[in-house]
Amino acid sequence: MAAQILEVVVERVPLIATTAIVSLLAFIIQRLFSKASLSHFPLAGAMIGDAEKRRKAYLAGAKSIYKEGYQKFKNSVFRVTSPRTYSDTVVVSPAFLPELKKLPDDVLSMSEAVAEQLEAKYTKINTDEPIVAHTVKASLTPGLVRLNHYIADEVDRTLRTELPPCKDWTEVNINSKLLRVVAIVSGRVFIGPELCHDEAYINAAVNYTIDVIQALQAVQRLTPWQRWLRGSSLPEVKNLDRHEEEATRFLRPIIAARRQAEKDQPGYQKPDDMLQWLMNERDFGEREDRELAKLQLTVSFAAIHTTTLTATNAFYNLAAHPQLVPELRQEIQTVLAEHGNQFTSPALQKMKKLDSFLKETLRLHPNAMVSFRRKVLKPITLSSGQVIPAGVMLEVPHYAISHDEETFPEPEKFDGLRFYRMREQSQTFNKPSAGGKATSVEAAAHNLFASVSQNSPTFGYGRHACPGRFFAANEIKMIVSRALLTYDIRNVGESTERYPNIEVSNLCFPDPTRKLLFKAV
């Protein structure tokens, strides 16, 4: 029907006006048809009012909308009105994840979903670069055994440099400090030990992250039809172009020097970092300097943004739950003593209480209310018989899942050793399956910080689960461990309550203006 209408328009409207009118009609038709095709799914937030009121309510904070939908339709499907388009988003129960993860990318697409999430039509952020995920999986993750030593050294050096001496209780804006710490430590792996301390790199990595978020917020404040007219020309969006130009100027001589050395020097020892790994991946084609610079910005945005938020949440929880500090500190000291005072992979794996503390931090304070966001490219029939049409966005209500009291008793309570106990209990009480001992091992593995499961889809689920989560987990563990071994931490003033997070749209992040008190042990 939509195609027939557009065909008539193209035949009868003068050519000069065809593009604009067809685009407008396509938008209207898509809205009408998608709305009709989703009407059989119950709507969360219906009591708020019409679509525009629901869109504004979502922008103000979507947590209550997702919680309402999950509580009413926990084992089924519902829809919410998101700010991205007027077509509602379909929200599915985690029970459908095992079947959804098997669908091919031409049916259920993560890259298309990310493109919409990052407003790529206007921001021009490249969301379909398989070389990045491939490089992380093929070079970064298996290389952590080798790289952990260098990451740990950089954590030690950077924390000493960025944090004040704190001989007495000293106020520290930990979020701003962590932005630089994470940028430098991540940069050690991304572009090498010398360049990661260059202020040009640090400013690009930190400010690009901030400016991407501001550009997204600027675009999403516009209604969908306003985005079509003004989205690409917003000042916040133009800032992203400036970052690409600056990153290219910074990296061009470095890339040229590496290429020249490879040609001129027999036995040239290539640098062991992400930039070089990307340059080595010839199967994805030769990359121009600007493309490599843009890839570096993309990697920095993904790593620095999420890692800093999670680490900041962890520090706010340490300050609000000081009773956990001695136990965590004791575990870290004991494990390091057993491993030559080195943050080796086995040492990090043995810090079970710290792992639990971080997973509980992520459960109670995730970076977003949803996960497993996908664009439906072809109609899907669920095992329940429900049909999800093509063209809509699909997601899982992660925040509501992690606050389900049937899965997590007292879900609103922060229990830093919750997952530690669950791991120990699963290893002790789970009976082996008929095929061997896999049952208890798998049950314990589901309770790890970097693991993904139906009840913990923070990092996604299936083959497109966040490939960098293992690097992020190691980095955060090292930062928190070194801080615990060096400082006592508490809130400023007399309050012992945890600082509340800020909720905007479907995002949830720690207040970056808050300060903590640090004192050297």
Protein backbone atom coordinates (compact mmCIF):
# COMPACT_ATOMS: atom_id res chain seq x y z
CA MET A 1 0.00 0.00 0.00
CA ALA A 2 2.71 2.50 1.01
CA ALA A 3 4.77 1.68 -2.09
CA GLN A 4 1.73 2.18 -4.37
CA ILE A 5 0.96 5.58 -2.87
CA LEU A 6 4.55 6.72 -3.33
CA GLU A 7 4.57 5.46 -6.93
CA VAL A 8 1.53 7.59 -7.79
CA VAL A 9 3.14 10.63 -6.19
CA VAL A 10 6.37 10.19 -8.15
CA GLU A 11 4.42 9.98 -11.43
CA ARG A 12 2.27 13.06 -10.87
CA VAL A 13 4.33 15.58 -8.95
CA PRO A 14 6.87 17.82 -10.73
CA LEU A 15 10.41 16.49 -10.33
CA ILE A 16 11.67 19.52 -8.43
CA ALA A 17 9.29 18.83 -5.56
CA THR A 18 9.27 15.04 -5.64
CA THR A 19 12.05 14.38 -3.13
CA ALA A 20 10.69 16.63 -0.40
CA ILE A 21 7.07 15.52 -0.77
CA VAL A 22 7.90 11.82 -1.06
CA SER A 23 10.06 12.03 2.08
CA LEU A 24 7.26 13.73 3.98
CA LEU A 25 4.66 11.23 2.79
CA ALA A 26 6.95 8.33 3.61
CA PHE A 27 7.27 9.66 7.14
CA ILE A 28 3.47 10.05 7.52
CA ILE A 29 2.70 6.66 5.99
CA GLN A 30 5.32 4.90 8.09
CA ARG A 31 3.85 6.48 11.20
CA LEU A 32 0.29 5.47 10.34
CA PHE A 33 1.08 1.92 9.25
CA SER A 34 3.49 1.15 12.10
CA LYS A 35 1.02 2.52 14.64
CA ALA A 36 -1.74 0.30 13.25
CA SER A 37 0.46 -2.80 13.14
CA LEU A 38 1.44 -2.41 16.81
CA SER A 39 -1.98 -1.55 18.19
CA HIS A 40 -2.56 -5.11 19.43
CA PHE A 41 0.36 -4.77 21.88
CA PRO A 42 -0.56 -3.15 25.23
CA LEU A 43 0.85 0.35 25.75
CA ALA A 44 2.83 1.21 28.89
CA GLY A 45 2.27 4.78 30.05
CA ALA A 46 -1.12 5.09 28.35
CA MET A 47 -2.45 7.09 31.32
CA ILE A 48 0.07 9.86 30.59
CA GLY A 49 -1.92 11.07 27.59
CA ASP A 50 -1.40 11.38 23.84
CA ALA A 51 1.76 10.49 21.93
CA GLU A 52 3.42 13.88 22.40
CA LYS A 53 2.81 13.82 26.16
CA ARG A 54 4.19 10.27 26.35
CA ARG A 55 7.24 11.30 24.33
CA LYS A 56 7.96 14.19 26.71
CA ALA A 57 7.39 11.96 29.75
CA TYR A 58 9.87 9.45 28.32
CA LEU A 59 12.46 12.17 27.82
CA ALA A 60 12.00 13.33 31.41
CA GLY A 61 12.68 9.82 32.73
CA ALA A 62 11.45 6.50 31.38
CA LYS A 63 12.09 4.27 34.41
CA SER A 64 8.50 4.32 35.70
CA ILE A 65 7.15 3.59 32.21
CA TYR A 66 9.31 0.48 31.80
CA LYS A 67 8.58 -0.70 35.34
CA GLU A 68 4.85 -0.34 34.77
CA GLY A 69 5.02 -2.29 31.51
CA TYR A 70 7.19 -5.04 33.00
CA GLN A 71 5.00 -5.47 36.07
CA LYS A 72 1.83 -5.75 33.98
CA PHE A 73 3.19 -7.74 31.05
CA LYS A 74 6.24 -9.44 32.52
CA ASN A 75 6.11 -12.60 30.41
CA SER A 76 4.81 -11.04 27.23
CA VAL A 77 5.26 -8.01 24.98
CA PHE A 78 4.32 -4.36 25.42
CA ARG A 79 5.16 -1.07 23.76
CA VAL A 80 6.36 2.36 24.82
CA THR A 81 6.42 5.71 23.05
CA SER A 82 10.07 6.68 22.69
CA PRO A 83 11.50 10.11 21.78
CA ARG A 84 13.25 8.94 18.63
CA THR A 85 10.21 8.58 16.38
CA TYR A 86 6.47 8.50 16.75
CA SER A 87 6.48 4.77 16.03
CA ASP A 88 6.28 2.96 19.35
CA THR A 89 9.11 0.73 20.57
CA VAL A 90 8.34 -2.92 21.28
CA VAL A 91 9.58 -4.23 24.63
CA VAL A 92 9.88 -8.00 25.06
CA SER A 93 10.23 -10.28 28.06
CA PRO A 94 13.72 -11.73 28.67
CA ALA A 95 12.08 -15.13 28.22
CA PHE A 96 12.28 -14.52 24.45
CA LEU A 97 16.01 -13.80 24.41
CA PRO A 98 17.18 -17.38 23.63
CA GLU A 99 15.07 -17.46 20.46
CA LEU A 100 15.78 -13.87 19.44
CA LYS A 101 19.55 -14.29 19.65
CA LYS A 102 19.38 -16.99 16.96
CA LEU A 103 17.89 -14.65 14.35
CA PRO A 104 20.26 -13.43 11.60
CA ASP A 105 21.26 -9.79 11.25
CA ASP A 106 19.09 -9.31 8.17
CA VAL A 107 16.07 -10.05 10.37
CA LEU A 108 17.07 -8.45 13.67
CA SER A 109 19.80 -5.83 13.34
CA MET A 110 21.90 -4.37 16.12
CA SER A 111 23.78 -1.97 13.82
CA GLU A 112 20.54 -0.45 12.56
CA ALA A 113 19.34 -0.06 16.13
CA VAL A 114 22.57 1.63 17.22
CA ALA A 115 22.38 3.94 14.22
CA GLU A 116 18.93 5.05 15.31
CA GLN A 117 19.95 5.27 18.96
CA LEU A 118 22.91 7.52 18.09
CA GLU A 119 20.86 9.49 15.57
CA ALA A 120 23.45 8.57 12.94
CA LYS A 121 21.35 10.13 10.18
CA TYR A 122 22.21 13.50 11.69
CA THR A 123 25.35 12.94 13.79
CA LYS A 124 27.05 10.89 11.02
CA ILE A 125 28.48 8.54 13.67
CA ASN A 126 29.48 5.33 11.87
CA THR A 127 27.66 2.48 13.59
CA ASP A 128 28.33 -0.26 11.06
CA GLU A 129 32.07 -0.93 11.34
CA PRO A 130 32.57 -4.70 11.82
CA ILE A 131 36.33 -4.13 11.95
CA VAL A 132 36.01 -2.70 15.49
CA ALA A 133 34.13 -5.64 17.03
CA HIS A 134 36.37 -8.07 15.15
CA THR A 135 39.55 -6.39 16.40
CA VAL A 136 38.31 -6.34 19.99
CA LYS A 137 37.41 -10.03 19.85
CA ALA A 138 40.46 -11.17 17.88
CA SER A 139 43.19 -8.97 19.38
CA LEU A 140 42.13 -7.14 22.54
CA THR A 141 40.29 -9.78 24.57
CA PRO A 142 42.75 -12.67 23.98
CA GLY A 143 45.60 -10.20 24.50
CA LEU A 144 44.50 -9.20 28.02
CA VAL A 145 46.69 -11.90 29.57
CA ARG A 146 49.64 -10.08 27.99
CA LEU A 147 48.31 -6.53 28.41
CA ASN A 148 47.10 -6.64 32.03
CA HIS A 149 50.59 -5.86 33.34
CA TYR A 150 50.77 -2.67 31.26
CA ILE A 151 47.21 -1.66 32.12
CA ALA A 152 47.94 -2.08 35.85
CA ASP A 153 51.11 0.02 35.61
CA GLU A 154 49.17 2.76 33.85
CA VAL A 155 46.44 2.65 36.50
CA ASP A 156 49.04 3.08 39.27
CA ARG A 157 50.82 5.91 37.48
CA THR A 158 47.66 7.76 36.45
CA LEU A 159 45.92 7.58 39.83
CA ARG A 160 49.04 8.99 41.51
CA THR A 161 49.17 11.79 38.97
CA GLU A 162 45.49 12.68 38.77
CA LEU A 163 44.45 12.38 42.43
CA PRO A 164 45.82 14.79 45.05
CA PRO A 165 48.07 13.47 47.89
CA CYS A 166 45.07 13.32 50.28
CA LYS A 167 47.23 13.26 53.43
CA ASP A 168 44.11 14.44 55.23
CA TRP A 169 40.48 14.20 54.10
CA THR A 170 40.40 15.89 50.70
CA GLU A 171 37.44 16.65 48.45
CA VAL A 172 37.71 15.07 45.02
CA ASN A 173 35.33 15.22 42.08
CA ILE A 174 35.89 11.58 41.27
CA ASN A 175 33.89 11.60 38.03
CA SER A 176 36.07 14.27 36.41
CA LYS A 177 39.20 12.49 37.64
CA LEU A 178 37.99 9.14 36.33
CA LEU A 179 37.29 10.61 32.91
CA ARG A 180 40.99 11.39 32.58
CA VAL A 181 42.15 8.20 34.29
CA VAL A 182 40.02 5.99 32.05
CA ALA A 183 41.00 7.97 28.94
CA ILE A 184 44.71 7.58 29.70
CA VAL A 185 44.54 3.93 30.80
CA SER A 186 42.36 3.00 27.82
CA GLY A 187 44.65 5.04 25.59
CA ARG A 188 47.56 2.87 26.71
CA VAL A 189 45.85 0.05 24.86
CA PHE A 190 44.33 2.14 22.09
CA ILE A 191 47.32 4.21 20.89
CA GLY A 192 50.34 3.21 23.02
CA PRO A 193 52.27 4.25 26.15
CA GLU A 194 53.74 7.55 24.93
CA LEU A 195 50.75 8.98 23.11
CA CYS A 196 48.14 8.17 25.79
CA HIS A 197 49.56 10.94 27.99
CA ASP A 198 49.43 13.54 25.22
CA GLU A 199 46.92 16.24 26.17
CA ALA A 200 45.71 16.44 22.57
CA TYR A 201 44.66 12.80 22.78
CA ILE A 202 43.16 13.12 26.29
CA ASN A 203 41.12 16.18 25.36
CA ALA A 204 39.88 14.54 22.16
CA ALA A 205 38.92 11.30 23.93
CA VAL A 206 37.19 12.99 26.89
CA ASN A 207 35.52 15.86 25.07
CA TYR A 208 34.32 13.73 22.17
CA THR A 209 32.49 11.53 24.65
CA ILE A 210 30.82 14.56 26.22
CA ASP A 211 29.98 16.17 22.89
CA VAL A 212 28.42 12.99 21.49
CA ILE A 213 26.03 12.91 24.44
CA GLN A 214 25.22 16.61 23.99
CA ALA A 215 24.62 16.11 20.27
CA LEU A 216 22.25 13.19 20.95
CA GLN A 217 20.32 15.20 23.52
CA ALA A 218 20.09 18.17 21.15
CA VAL A 219 18.71 16.02 18.33
CA GLN A 220 16.28 14.16 20.57
CA ARG A 221 14.87 17.39 21.96
CA LEU A 222 13.52 18.03 18.46
CA THR A 223 10.36 16.36 17.27
CA PRO A 224 10.94 13.84 14.44
CA TRP A 225 9.84 16.24 11.69
CA GLN A 226 12.07 19.00 13.11
CA ARG A 227 15.05 16.63 13.03
CA TRP A 228 14.50 16.11 9.32
CA LEU A 229 14.85 19.89 8.79
CA ARG A 230 17.41 20.93 11.42
CA GLY A 231 19.15 17.84 12.86
CA SER A 232 22.35 17.93 10.80
CA SER A 233 22.89 21.68 11.26
CA LEU A 234 22.69 21.81 15.06
CA PRO A 235 25.83 23.36 16.65
CA GLU A 236 26.21 20.32 18.90
CA VAL A 237 26.29 18.06 15.84
CA LYS A 238 28.78 20.31 14.05
CA ASN A 239 31.12 19.90 17.04
CA LEU A 240 31.51 16.22 16.16
CA ASP A 241 32.92 17.15 12.74
CA ARG A 242 35.49 19.36 14.47
CA HIS A 243 36.56 16.43 16.67
CA GLU A 244 37.12 14.26 13.59
CA GLU A 245 39.31 16.93 12.02
CA GLU A 246 41.34 17.38 15.21
CA ALA A 247 41.79 13.62 15.70
CA THR A 248 42.92 13.26 12.10
CA ARG A 249 45.52 16.03 12.50
CA PHE A 250 46.79 14.37 15.68
CA LEU A 251 46.99 10.82 14.32
CA ARG A 252 48.05 11.44 10.71
CA PRO A 253 51.79 11.84 11.41
CA ILE A 254 51.72 8.85 13.76
CA ILE A 255 50.03 6.63 11.19
CA ALA A 256 52.42 7.83 8.47
CA ALA A 257 55.46 7.13 10.64
CA ARG A 258 54.27 3.59 11.38
CA ARG A 259 53.60 2.84 7.73
CA GLN A 260 56.97 4.22 6.70
CA ALA A 261 58.81 2.25 9.39
CA GLU A 262 57.12 -0.93 8.23
CA LYS A 263 58.43 -0.28 4.70
CA ASP A 264 61.94 0.88 5.60
CA GLN A 265 62.94 -1.20 8.62
CA PRO A 266 63.47 -4.95 8.23
CA GLY A 267 62.14 -6.75 11.30
CA TYR A 268 60.22 -3.65 12.41
CA GLN A 269 58.52 -4.31 15.77
CA LYS A 270 54.99 -3.09 15.32
CA PRO A 271 53.37 -1.34 18.32
CA ASP A 272 51.04 -3.52 20.35
CA ASP A 273 47.93 -1.33 20.48
CA MET A 274 44.47 -0.90 18.97
CA LEU A 275 45.59 1.59 16.35
CA GLN A 276 48.12 -0.89 14.98
CA TRP A 277 45.68 -3.79 15.16
CA LEU A 278 43.22 -1.78 13.08
CA MET A 279 45.96 -0.96 10.59
CA ASN A 280 46.87 -4.66 10.40
CA GLU A 281 43.34 -5.77 9.49
CA ARG A 282 43.77 -5.72 5.73
CA ASP A 283 40.78 -8.05 5.22
CA PHE A 284 38.54 -5.04 5.91
CA GLY A 285 40.31 -2.90 3.34
CA GLU A 286 43.01 -0.25 3.55
CA ARG A 287 41.91 2.60 5.81
CA GLU A 288 42.58 6.27 5.14
CA ASP A 289 43.92 8.42 7.97
CA ARG A 290 40.56 10.09 8.66
CA GLU A 291 38.82 6.70 8.76
CA LEU A 292 41.34 5.41 11.32
CA ALA A 293 40.94 8.59 13.36
CA LYS A 294 37.17 8.21 13.31
CA LEU A 295 37.47 4.57 14.37
CA GLN A 296 39.65 5.66 17.30
CA LEU A 297 37.03 8.21 18.36
CA THR A 298 34.34 5.55 18.13
CA VAL A 299 36.34 3.13 20.29
CA SER A 300 37.14 5.90 22.81
CA PHE A 301 33.49 6.91 23.06
CA ALA A 302 32.32 3.36 23.68
CA ALA A 303 35.03 2.59 26.23
CA ILE A 304 35.48 5.84 28.13
CA HIS A 305 31.82 6.73 28.52
CA THR A 306 30.56 3.41 29.91
CA THR A 307 33.67 2.58 31.94
CA THR A 308 33.73 5.98 33.66
CA LEU A 309 30.04 5.80 34.53
CA THR A 310 30.37 2.33 36.05
CA ALA A 311 33.54 3.23 37.96
CA THR A 312 31.94 6.42 39.32
CA ASN A 313 28.91 4.43 40.46
CA ALA A 314 31.28 2.01 42.21
CA PHE A 315 33.02 4.83 44.11
CA TYR A 316 29.68 6.33 45.18
CA ASN A 317 28.70 2.89 46.50
CA LEU A 318 31.99 2.50 48.38
CA ALA A 319 31.42 5.84 50.11
CA ALA A 320 27.84 4.93 51.00
CA HIS A 321 28.70 1.41 52.23
CA PRO A 322 31.98 1.76 54.18
CA GLN A 323 31.35 -1.55 55.98
CA LEU A 324 32.29 -3.34 52.76
CA VAL A 325 35.69 -1.66 52.42
CA PRO A 326 37.68 -3.79 54.92
CA GLU A 327 36.41 -7.05 53.42
CA LEU A 328 37.11 -5.97 49.85
CA ARG A 329 40.51 -4.56 50.78
CA GLN A 330 41.45 -7.77 52.58
CA GLU A 331 40.52 -9.88 49.57
CA ILE A 332 42.54 -7.68 47.21
CA GLN A 333 45.60 -7.76 49.47
CA THR A 334 45.41 -11.53 49.92
CA VAL A 335 44.95 -12.30 46.23
CA LEU A 336 47.73 -9.96 45.12
CA ALA A 337 50.11 -11.48 47.68
CA GLU A 338 49.38 -14.89 46.17
CA HIS A 339 50.17 -13.62 42.65
CA GLY A 340 53.39 -11.71 43.13
CA ASN A 341 51.55 -8.40 43.64
CA GLN A 342 50.57 -8.46 39.98
CA PHE A 343 47.10 -7.94 38.51
CA THR A 344 47.30 -11.08 36.41
CA SER A 345 44.22 -12.61 34.82
CA PRO A 346 44.09 -15.40 37.45
CA ALA A 347 44.41 -12.79 40.23
CA LEU A 348 41.55 -10.70 38.85
CA GLN A 349 39.40 -13.81 38.48
CA LYS A 350 40.04 -14.75 42.10
CA MET A 351 38.75 -11.40 43.44
CA LYS A 352 35.25 -12.81 43.76
CA LYS A 353 33.94 -10.32 46.32
CA LEU A 354 35.14 -7.36 44.29
CA ASP A 355 33.55 -8.90 41.20
CA SER A 356 30.27 -9.27 43.12
CA PHE A 357 30.44 -5.67 44.35
CA LEU A 358 30.85 -4.41 40.79
CA LYS A 359 28.08 -6.62 39.40
CA GLU A 360 25.72 -5.39 42.12
CA THR A 361 26.72 -1.85 41.22
CA LEU A 362 25.79 -2.54 37.61
CA ARG A 363 22.53 -4.25 38.62
CA LEU A 364 21.28 -1.41 40.80
CA HIS A 365 22.86 1.44 38.83
CA PRO A 366 22.93 0.49 35.13
CA ASN A 367 23.82 3.00 32.47
CA ALA A 368 20.50 2.52 30.71
CA MET A 369 17.01 1.23 31.42
CA VAL A 370 17.06 -1.11 28.42
CA SER A 371 19.41 -3.48 26.61
CA PHE A 372 19.44 -5.84 23.62
CA ARG A 373 18.14 -3.03 21.41
CA ARG A 374 17.50 -4.27 17.86
CA LYS A 375 15.81 -2.99 14.69
CA VAL A 376 13.33 -5.46 13.21
CA LEU A 377 14.05 -5.69 9.48
CA LYS A 378 11.71 -8.59 8.69
CA PRO A 379 8.56 -9.69 10.57
CA ILE A 380 9.22 -11.94 13.57
CA THR A 381 6.85 -14.54 14.99
CA LEU A 382 7.62 -15.23 18.65
CA SER A 383 7.10 -18.61 20.28
CA SER A 384 4.01 -17.08 21.91
CA GLY A 385 2.51 -16.61 18.44
CA GLN A 386 2.80 -12.82 18.61
CA VAL A 387 4.09 -11.14 15.46
CA ILE A 388 6.45 -8.17 15.58
CA PRO A 389 6.35 -6.30 12.25
CA ALA A 390 9.32 -4.98 10.32
CA GLY A 391 10.45 -1.40 10.85
CA VAL A 392 10.08 -1.16 14.62
CA MET A 393 12.62 -1.03 17.40
CA LEU A 394 12.80 -3.94 19.84
CA GLU A 395 14.41 -3.93 23.29
CA VAL A 396 14.50 -5.68 26.67
CA PRO A 397 13.65 -3.78 29.91
CA HIS A 398 16.95 -4.40 31.68
CA TYR A 399 16.33 -2.09 34.66
CA ALA A 400 12.96 -3.66 35.43
CA ILE A 401 14.44 -7.16 35.10
CA SER A 402 17.25 -6.39 37.54
CA HIS A 403 14.71 -5.03 40.04
CA ASP A 404 12.42 -8.08 39.89
CA GLU A 405 12.07 -9.38 43.46
CA GLU A 406 11.36 -12.90 42.22
CA THR A 407 14.90 -13.00 40.82
CA PHE A 408 16.68 -10.65 43.22
CA PRO A 409 15.24 -10.58 46.77
CA GLU A 410 15.04 -7.05 48.19
CA PRO A 411 15.91 -5.65 44.76
CA GLU A 412 16.10 -2.01 45.91
CA LYS A 413 18.74 -2.86 48.51
CA PHE A 414 22.42 -2.62 47.60
CA ASP A 415 24.02 -5.91 48.64
CA GLY A 416 27.66 -5.89 47.58
CA LEU A 417 28.15 -9.61 48.23
CA ARG A 418 24.87 -10.73 46.63
CA PHE A 419 26.51 -12.33 43.59
CA TYR A 420 29.41 -13.70 45.64
CA ARG A 421 26.93 -15.71 47.71
CA MET A 422 25.03 -16.77 44.58
CA ARG A 423 28.26 -18.05 43.05
CA GLU A 424 29.22 -19.95 46.16
CA GLN A 425 25.75 -21.43 46.56
CA SER A 426 25.54 -22.51 42.92
CA GLN A 427 28.89 -24.27 43.18
CA THR A 428 27.91 -25.95 46.44
CA PHE A 429 24.29 -26.94 45.91
CA ASN A 430 23.71 -27.33 42.18
CA LYS A 431 23.61 -30.95 41.17
CA PRO A 432 25.55 -31.99 38.07
CA SER A 433 23.54 -32.64 34.96
CA ALA A 434 23.44 -36.07 33.38
CA GLY A 435 26.25 -35.05 31.04
CA GLY A 436 28.69 -33.95 33.72
CA LYS A 437 29.49 -30.96 35.92
CA ALA A 438 28.45 -28.18 33.56
CA THR A 439 25.34 -27.18 35.48
CA SER A 440 27.04 -25.75 38.58
CA VAL A 441 29.88 -24.20 36.59
CA GLU A 442 27.50 -22.44 34.22
CA ALA A 443 25.29 -21.28 37.07
CA ALA A 444 28.30 -19.75 38.82
CA ALA A 445 29.50 -18.16 35.57
CA HIS A 446 26.17 -16.35 35.13
CA ASN A 447 26.91 -14.40 38.31
CA LEU A 448 30.19 -12.90 37.09
CA PHE A 449 30.50 -9.16 36.47
CA ALA A 450 31.21 -9.57 32.75
CA SER A 451 28.75 -12.41 32.15
CA VAL A 452 25.49 -12.09 30.24
CA SER A 453 22.28 -13.99 30.93
CA GLN A 454 18.52 -13.56 30.66
CA ASN A 455 18.47 -12.04 34.15
CA SER A 456 21.58 -9.90 33.59
CA PRO A 457 21.54 -8.56 30.02
CA THR A 458 23.42 -5.37 30.95
CA PHE A 459 26.11 -6.04 28.35
CA GLY A 460 23.59 -7.32 25.83
CA TYR A 461 22.94 -10.93 24.93
CA GLY A 462 23.96 -13.39 22.25
CA ARG A 463 26.67 -12.98 19.64
CA HIS A 464 26.48 -9.18 19.73
CA ALA A 465 27.01 -8.86 23.49
CA CYS A 466 29.49 -6.07 24.22
CA PRO A 467 32.86 -7.41 23.02
CA GLY A 468 34.85 -4.96 25.15
CA ARG A 469 33.30 -5.92 28.48
CA PHE A 470 36.25 -8.08 29.54
CA PHE A 471 38.71 -5.24 29.01
CA ALA A 472 36.38 -2.84 30.83
CA ALA A 473 35.95 -5.29 33.73
CA ASN A 474 39.72 -5.65 34.19
CA GLU A 475 40.27 -1.90 33.97
CA ILE A 476 37.56 -1.07 36.51
CA LYS A 477 38.76 -3.78 38.90
CA MET A 478 42.30 -2.42 38.78
CA ILE A 479 41.17 1.18 39.34
CA VAL A 480 38.90 0.31 42.28
CA SER A 481 41.47 -2.08 43.78
CA ARG A 482 44.30 0.42 43.66
CA ALA A 483 42.07 3.12 45.15
CA LEU A 484 40.97 0.83 47.99
CA LEU A 485 44.55 -0.08 48.79
CA THR A 486 45.55 3.58 48.84
CA TYR A 487 42.61 5.55 50.28
CA ASP A 488 39.72 5.57 52.67
CA ILE A 489 36.62 7.03 51.01
CA ARG A 490 33.49 8.67 52.37
CA ASN A 491 30.77 11.16 51.47
CA VAL A 492 31.24 14.87 51.97
CA GLY A 493 29.43 16.12 55.08
CA GLU A 494 27.44 14.05 57.51
CA SER A 495 25.23 12.22 55.03
CA THR A 496 25.77 8.48 54.67
CA GLU A 497 23.17 8.07 51.92
CA ARG A 498 24.36 7.19 48.45
CA TYR A 499 24.31 10.08 46.03
CA PRO A 500 21.23 9.71 43.78
CA ASN A 501 21.75 9.12 40.11
CA ILE A 502 20.36 11.34 37.36
CA GLU A 503 17.71 9.84 35.09
CA VAL A 504 17.09 11.31 31.65
CA SER A 505 15.15 9.50 28.93
CA ASN A 506 16.18 5.83 29.22
CA LEU A 507 19.59 6.73 30.66
CA CYS A 508 20.72 6.54 34.28
CA PHE A 509 24.07 8.01 35.28
CA PRO A 510 25.89 9.23 38.41
CA ASP A 511 25.73 12.93 39.20
CA PRO A 512 29.04 14.25 37.80
CA THR A 513 29.03 17.29 40.12
CA ARG A 514 29.27 15.31 43.36
CA LYS A 515 32.46 15.11 45.39
CA LEU A 516 33.84 12.45 47.71
CA LEU A 517 36.37 12.67 50.53
CA PHE A 518 39.64 10.73 50.09
CA LYS A 519 42.31 10.13 52.72
CA ALA A 520 45.51 8.15 52.25
CA VAL A 521 45.50 4.92 54.27
